[in-house]
N, C-alpha and C. Protein backbone atom coordinates (compact mmCIF):
# COMPACT_ATOMS: atom_id res chain seq x y z
N MET A 1 -20.29 10.45 -51.27
CA MET A 1 -20.42 11.35 -52.40
C MET A 1 -20.92 12.70 -51.88
N LYS A 2 -20.22 13.77 -52.21
CA LYS A 2 -20.61 15.10 -51.78
C LYS A 2 -21.53 15.71 -52.82
N ASN A 3 -22.56 16.40 -52.33
CA ASN A 3 -23.51 17.07 -53.21
C ASN A 3 -23.49 18.57 -52.94
N ASN A 4 -23.83 19.32 -53.94
CA ASN A 4 -23.98 20.75 -53.71
C ASN A 4 -25.44 21.03 -53.33
N ARG A 5 -25.72 22.27 -52.99
CA ARG A 5 -27.05 22.62 -52.51
C ARG A 5 -28.12 22.40 -53.59
N ARG A 6 -27.80 22.71 -54.84
CA ARG A 6 -28.77 22.54 -55.92
C ARG A 6 -29.14 21.07 -56.10
N LYS A 7 -28.13 20.19 -56.03
CA LYS A 7 -28.39 18.75 -56.15
C LYS A 7 -29.23 18.26 -54.97
N PHE A 8 -28.91 18.77 -53.78
CA PHE A 8 -29.67 18.38 -52.60
C PHE A 8 -31.14 18.79 -52.74
N LEU A 9 -31.40 20.02 -53.18
CA LEU A 9 -32.77 20.47 -53.32
C LEU A 9 -33.51 19.70 -54.40
N THR A 10 -32.82 19.36 -55.47
CA THR A 10 -33.43 18.54 -56.51
C THR A 10 -33.81 17.17 -55.96
N ASP A 11 -32.87 16.57 -55.22
CA ASP A 11 -33.14 15.26 -54.62
C ASP A 11 -34.27 15.34 -53.59
N ALA A 12 -34.30 16.43 -52.81
CA ALA A 12 -35.35 16.60 -51.81
C ALA A 12 -36.71 16.74 -52.47
N ALA A 13 -36.76 17.49 -53.57
CA ALA A 13 -38.03 17.64 -54.29
C ALA A 13 -38.48 16.30 -54.85
N LEU A 14 -37.54 15.54 -55.37
CA LEU A 14 -37.87 14.21 -55.89
C LEU A 14 -38.37 13.31 -54.77
N ALA A 15 -37.70 13.37 -53.62
CA ALA A 15 -38.12 12.56 -52.48
C ALA A 15 -39.50 12.99 -51.99
N ALA A 16 -39.78 14.30 -52.01
CA ALA A 16 -41.09 14.77 -51.59
C ALA A 16 -42.17 14.25 -52.54
N GLY A 17 -41.86 14.24 -53.83
CA GLY A 17 -42.82 13.68 -54.79
C GLY A 17 -43.05 12.20 -54.55
N MET A 18 -41.98 11.50 -54.22
CA MET A 18 -42.11 10.08 -53.94
C MET A 18 -42.92 9.85 -52.66
N SER A 19 -42.73 10.73 -51.65
CA SER A 19 -43.47 10.54 -50.41
C SER A 19 -44.94 10.84 -50.59
N SER A 20 -45.29 11.77 -51.49
CA SER A 20 -46.71 12.02 -51.72
C SER A 20 -47.37 10.81 -52.37
N THR A 21 -46.62 10.11 -53.23
CA THR A 21 -47.13 8.87 -53.80
C THR A 21 -47.27 7.83 -52.70
N PHE A 22 -46.30 7.78 -51.80
CA PHE A 22 -46.32 6.83 -50.69
C PHE A 22 -47.52 7.11 -49.78
N LEU A 23 -47.78 8.41 -49.48
CA LEU A 23 -48.87 8.76 -48.59
C LEU A 23 -50.23 8.47 -49.19
N SER A 24 -50.33 8.50 -50.50
CA SER A 24 -51.62 8.26 -51.13
C SER A 24 -51.92 6.76 -51.24
N SER A 25 -50.95 5.94 -50.89
CA SER A 25 -51.17 4.50 -50.98
C SER A 25 -51.93 4.01 -49.75
N SER A 26 -52.12 2.72 -49.68
CA SER A 26 -52.87 2.13 -48.57
C SER A 26 -52.07 2.12 -47.28
N ARG A 27 -50.79 2.49 -47.32
CA ARG A 27 -49.94 2.48 -46.12
C ARG A 27 -49.97 3.82 -45.40
N LEU A 28 -51.08 4.51 -45.45
CA LEU A 28 -51.20 5.84 -44.87
C LEU A 28 -50.97 5.83 -43.36
N LEU A 29 -51.18 4.73 -42.69
CA LEU A 29 -51.07 4.67 -41.24
C LEU A 29 -49.63 4.50 -40.76
N GLY A 30 -48.66 4.45 -41.64
CA GLY A 30 -47.27 4.35 -41.23
C GLY A 30 -46.73 2.95 -41.38
N GLN A 31 -45.53 2.75 -40.88
CA GLN A 31 -44.87 1.47 -41.05
C GLN A 31 -45.35 0.46 -40.01
N GLU A 32 -45.24 -0.78 -40.37
CA GLU A 32 -45.59 -1.85 -39.44
C GLU A 32 -44.55 -1.91 -38.34
N LYS A 33 -44.95 -2.40 -37.18
CA LYS A 33 -44.04 -2.50 -36.05
C LYS A 33 -42.85 -3.38 -36.41
N GLY A 34 -41.65 -2.86 -36.18
CA GLY A 34 -40.43 -3.61 -36.47
C GLY A 34 -39.96 -3.47 -37.91
N GLU A 35 -40.76 -2.89 -38.77
CA GLU A 35 -40.39 -2.74 -40.18
C GLU A 35 -39.70 -1.39 -40.37
N ARG A 36 -38.67 -1.37 -41.17
CA ARG A 36 -37.96 -0.13 -41.47
C ARG A 36 -38.27 0.28 -42.90
N PRO A 37 -38.45 1.56 -43.14
CA PRO A 37 -38.67 1.99 -44.52
C PRO A 37 -37.40 1.76 -45.35
N SER A 38 -37.58 1.55 -46.62
CA SER A 38 -36.43 1.32 -47.49
C SER A 38 -35.63 2.62 -47.63
N THR A 39 -34.34 2.47 -47.79
CA THR A 39 -33.47 3.64 -47.94
C THR A 39 -33.21 3.91 -49.41
N THR A 40 -32.89 5.13 -49.69
CA THR A 40 -32.57 5.54 -51.05
C THR A 40 -31.05 5.62 -51.16
N PRO A 41 -30.44 4.89 -52.07
CA PRO A 41 -28.98 4.83 -52.12
C PRO A 41 -28.31 6.15 -52.47
N TRP A 42 -29.00 7.07 -53.12
CA TRP A 42 -28.35 8.31 -53.55
C TRP A 42 -28.57 9.46 -52.58
N ILE A 43 -29.23 9.21 -51.42
CA ILE A 43 -29.36 10.24 -50.39
C ILE A 43 -28.68 9.71 -49.13
N GLU A 44 -27.75 10.49 -48.60
CA GLU A 44 -27.03 10.09 -47.41
C GLU A 44 -27.20 11.18 -46.35
N PHE A 45 -27.61 10.79 -45.16
CA PHE A 45 -27.77 11.73 -44.06
C PHE A 45 -26.52 11.66 -43.19
N ILE A 46 -25.90 12.81 -42.98
CA ILE A 46 -24.66 12.88 -42.21
C ILE A 46 -24.90 13.77 -41.00
N ASN A 47 -24.52 13.28 -39.83
CA ASN A 47 -24.65 14.06 -38.61
C ASN A 47 -23.66 15.23 -38.64
N PRO A 48 -23.93 16.28 -37.83
CA PRO A 48 -23.01 17.42 -37.78
C PRO A 48 -21.59 16.97 -37.43
N ARG A 49 -20.62 17.50 -38.14
CA ARG A 49 -19.19 17.18 -37.96
C ARG A 49 -18.91 15.69 -38.13
N GLY A 50 -19.84 14.96 -38.73
CA GLY A 50 -19.65 13.55 -38.99
C GLY A 50 -19.67 12.69 -37.74
N ARG A 51 -20.26 13.22 -36.65
CA ARG A 51 -20.29 12.49 -35.39
C ARG A 51 -21.73 12.36 -34.91
N VAL A 52 -21.97 11.42 -34.01
CA VAL A 52 -23.30 11.24 -33.43
C VAL A 52 -23.46 12.25 -32.30
N PRO A 53 -24.48 13.10 -32.37
CA PRO A 53 -24.65 14.10 -31.32
C PRO A 53 -25.12 13.45 -30.02
N VAL A 54 -24.59 13.92 -28.91
CA VAL A 54 -24.95 13.42 -27.60
C VAL A 54 -25.18 14.62 -26.69
N SER A 55 -26.18 14.54 -25.85
CA SER A 55 -26.43 15.59 -24.87
C SER A 55 -26.13 15.05 -23.48
N LEU A 56 -25.47 15.85 -22.70
CA LEU A 56 -25.17 15.50 -21.32
C LEU A 56 -25.75 16.60 -20.46
N ILE A 57 -26.74 16.23 -19.66
CA ILE A 57 -27.39 17.21 -18.79
C ILE A 57 -26.96 16.93 -17.36
N ILE A 58 -26.30 17.88 -16.75
CA ILE A 58 -25.92 17.76 -15.35
C ILE A 58 -26.99 18.52 -14.57
N ASP A 59 -27.86 17.77 -13.93
CA ASP A 59 -29.03 18.35 -13.30
C ASP A 59 -28.77 18.58 -11.82
N ASP A 60 -27.89 19.51 -11.53
CA ASP A 60 -27.59 19.88 -10.15
C ASP A 60 -27.54 21.40 -10.08
N SER A 61 -27.80 21.92 -8.89
CA SER A 61 -27.72 23.37 -8.74
C SER A 61 -26.29 23.85 -8.86
N THR A 62 -25.36 23.03 -8.46
CA THR A 62 -23.95 23.33 -8.60
C THR A 62 -23.20 22.02 -8.70
N CYS A 63 -22.07 22.03 -9.32
CA CYS A 63 -21.34 20.77 -9.50
C CYS A 63 -20.55 20.38 -8.26
N LEU A 64 -20.48 21.22 -7.25
CA LEU A 64 -19.67 20.91 -6.07
C LEU A 64 -20.48 20.37 -4.90
N VAL A 65 -21.80 20.58 -4.89
CA VAL A 65 -22.64 20.13 -3.78
C VAL A 65 -23.20 18.75 -4.10
N ASN A 66 -23.07 17.81 -3.17
CA ASN A 66 -23.62 16.47 -3.35
C ASN A 66 -25.08 16.50 -2.91
N LEU A 67 -25.97 16.68 -3.86
CA LEU A 67 -27.38 16.81 -3.53
C LEU A 67 -27.97 15.53 -2.96
N ALA A 68 -27.35 14.38 -3.22
CA ALA A 68 -27.84 13.13 -2.64
C ALA A 68 -27.77 13.20 -1.11
N HIS A 69 -26.70 13.80 -0.59
CA HIS A 69 -26.54 13.92 0.87
C HIS A 69 -27.71 14.69 1.48
N PHE A 70 -28.14 15.74 0.81
CA PHE A 70 -29.20 16.59 1.35
C PHE A 70 -30.59 16.14 0.92
N GLY A 71 -30.68 15.47 -0.24
CA GLY A 71 -31.99 15.10 -0.77
C GLY A 71 -32.53 13.78 -0.25
N ILE A 72 -31.66 12.81 0.02
CA ILE A 72 -32.12 11.48 0.41
C ILE A 72 -32.99 11.51 1.67
N PRO A 73 -32.66 12.28 2.71
CA PRO A 73 -33.55 12.30 3.88
C PRO A 73 -34.98 12.74 3.52
N GLN A 74 -35.09 13.71 2.62
CA GLN A 74 -36.41 14.20 2.22
C GLN A 74 -37.12 13.18 1.34
N PHE A 75 -36.38 12.58 0.39
CA PHE A 75 -36.99 11.58 -0.48
C PHE A 75 -37.40 10.34 0.31
N ALA A 76 -36.62 9.99 1.34
CA ALA A 76 -36.91 8.80 2.14
C ALA A 76 -38.22 8.96 2.92
N GLN A 77 -38.58 10.18 3.25
CA GLN A 77 -39.85 10.39 3.95
C GLN A 77 -41.03 10.10 3.02
N VAL A 78 -40.87 10.40 1.75
CA VAL A 78 -41.95 10.18 0.78
C VAL A 78 -41.93 8.76 0.23
N PHE A 79 -40.73 8.25 -0.06
CA PHE A 79 -40.56 6.91 -0.63
C PHE A 79 -39.64 6.07 0.27
N PRO A 80 -40.09 5.65 1.42
CA PRO A 80 -39.18 4.96 2.36
C PRO A 80 -38.61 3.65 1.83
N ASP A 81 -39.30 2.97 0.94
CA ASP A 81 -38.79 1.70 0.41
C ASP A 81 -37.69 1.90 -0.63
N ASN A 82 -37.60 3.08 -1.22
CA ASN A 82 -36.64 3.33 -2.30
C ASN A 82 -35.32 3.92 -1.82
N TYR A 83 -35.31 4.54 -0.65
CA TYR A 83 -34.10 5.24 -0.19
C TYR A 83 -33.67 4.69 1.16
N LYS A 84 -33.03 3.53 1.14
CA LYS A 84 -32.62 2.86 2.38
C LYS A 84 -31.15 3.14 2.74
N GLN A 85 -30.40 3.76 1.83
CA GLN A 85 -28.98 3.98 2.12
C GLN A 85 -28.79 5.04 3.19
N ASN A 86 -27.68 4.95 3.88
CA ASN A 86 -27.37 5.89 4.94
C ASN A 86 -26.78 7.16 4.31
N TRP A 87 -27.55 8.19 4.23
CA TRP A 87 -27.12 9.43 3.59
C TRP A 87 -26.04 10.13 4.40
N ARG A 88 -25.93 9.81 5.69
CA ARG A 88 -24.92 10.45 6.53
C ARG A 88 -23.50 10.04 6.13
N ASP A 89 -23.38 8.88 5.48
CA ASP A 89 -22.06 8.41 5.03
C ASP A 89 -21.62 9.06 3.72
N LEU A 90 -22.54 9.73 3.05
CA LEU A 90 -22.20 10.38 1.77
C LEU A 90 -21.51 11.71 2.04
N PRO A 91 -20.54 12.08 1.21
CA PRO A 91 -19.88 13.38 1.40
C PRO A 91 -20.85 14.52 1.12
N ARG A 92 -20.68 15.61 1.82
CA ARG A 92 -21.55 16.78 1.63
C ARG A 92 -21.21 17.51 0.34
N GLU A 93 -19.98 17.39 -0.09
CA GLU A 93 -19.53 18.07 -1.31
C GLU A 93 -18.86 17.07 -2.25
N ILE A 94 -18.92 17.37 -3.54
CA ILE A 94 -18.19 16.60 -4.54
C ILE A 94 -16.75 17.11 -4.51
N PRO A 95 -15.76 16.24 -4.41
CA PRO A 95 -14.37 16.71 -4.32
C PRO A 95 -13.95 17.53 -5.54
N ASP A 96 -13.19 18.58 -5.29
CA ASP A 96 -12.69 19.43 -6.37
C ASP A 96 -11.91 18.62 -7.41
N ALA A 97 -11.18 17.60 -6.96
CA ALA A 97 -10.39 16.79 -7.88
C ALA A 97 -11.28 16.08 -8.90
N PHE A 98 -12.46 15.62 -8.47
CA PHE A 98 -13.38 14.97 -9.40
C PHE A 98 -13.91 15.96 -10.43
N VAL A 99 -14.28 17.14 -9.96
CA VAL A 99 -14.81 18.17 -10.87
C VAL A 99 -13.73 18.56 -11.88
N ARG A 100 -12.48 18.72 -11.42
CA ARG A 100 -11.38 19.06 -12.31
C ARG A 100 -11.15 17.96 -13.34
N LYS A 101 -11.14 16.71 -12.88
CA LYS A 101 -10.93 15.57 -13.78
C LYS A 101 -12.04 15.50 -14.83
N PHE A 102 -13.28 15.73 -14.41
CA PHE A 102 -14.41 15.72 -15.34
C PHE A 102 -14.29 16.86 -16.34
N ALA A 103 -13.89 18.03 -15.88
CA ALA A 103 -13.73 19.18 -16.79
C ALA A 103 -12.63 18.91 -17.81
N HIS A 104 -11.54 18.30 -17.40
CA HIS A 104 -10.46 17.97 -18.34
C HIS A 104 -10.93 16.92 -19.35
N TRP A 105 -11.69 15.96 -18.88
CA TRP A 105 -12.23 14.94 -19.81
C TRP A 105 -13.13 15.60 -20.84
N CYS A 106 -14.01 16.50 -20.40
CA CYS A 106 -14.89 17.20 -21.34
C CYS A 106 -14.08 17.99 -22.37
N ARG A 107 -13.06 18.70 -21.91
CA ARG A 107 -12.22 19.46 -22.83
C ARG A 107 -11.53 18.54 -23.84
N ASP A 108 -10.99 17.43 -23.36
CA ASP A 108 -10.29 16.49 -24.26
C ASP A 108 -11.23 15.87 -25.29
N GLN A 109 -12.51 15.72 -24.93
CA GLN A 109 -13.49 15.12 -25.84
C GLN A 109 -14.14 16.15 -26.75
N GLY A 110 -13.82 17.42 -26.56
CA GLY A 110 -14.41 18.47 -27.39
C GLY A 110 -15.82 18.82 -26.96
N VAL A 111 -16.15 18.54 -25.70
CA VAL A 111 -17.49 18.85 -25.18
C VAL A 111 -17.50 20.27 -24.67
């Protein structure tokens, strides 16, 4: 059901009044673990563009340099039990074909 802005604000004001009643009750400390608050059938929350938002963070200085190749020797000095792989076998750069394929996938997905 689609609502206009006036209906939304009216519903929000009503919900705010209901929440003040809820806050004044003995449940001031919040919900019990594992318990979900009851939903209101006439209020529907819709994500932007009707989709679930997702964030993808590529945490590299550049998408072409394989930082594992350069970082593992340094990390292994600090955490020798965690970095046992042979970093010399890793490529120094991420292949252009992979970066291109990833960019095309992002474009096709609307990212």
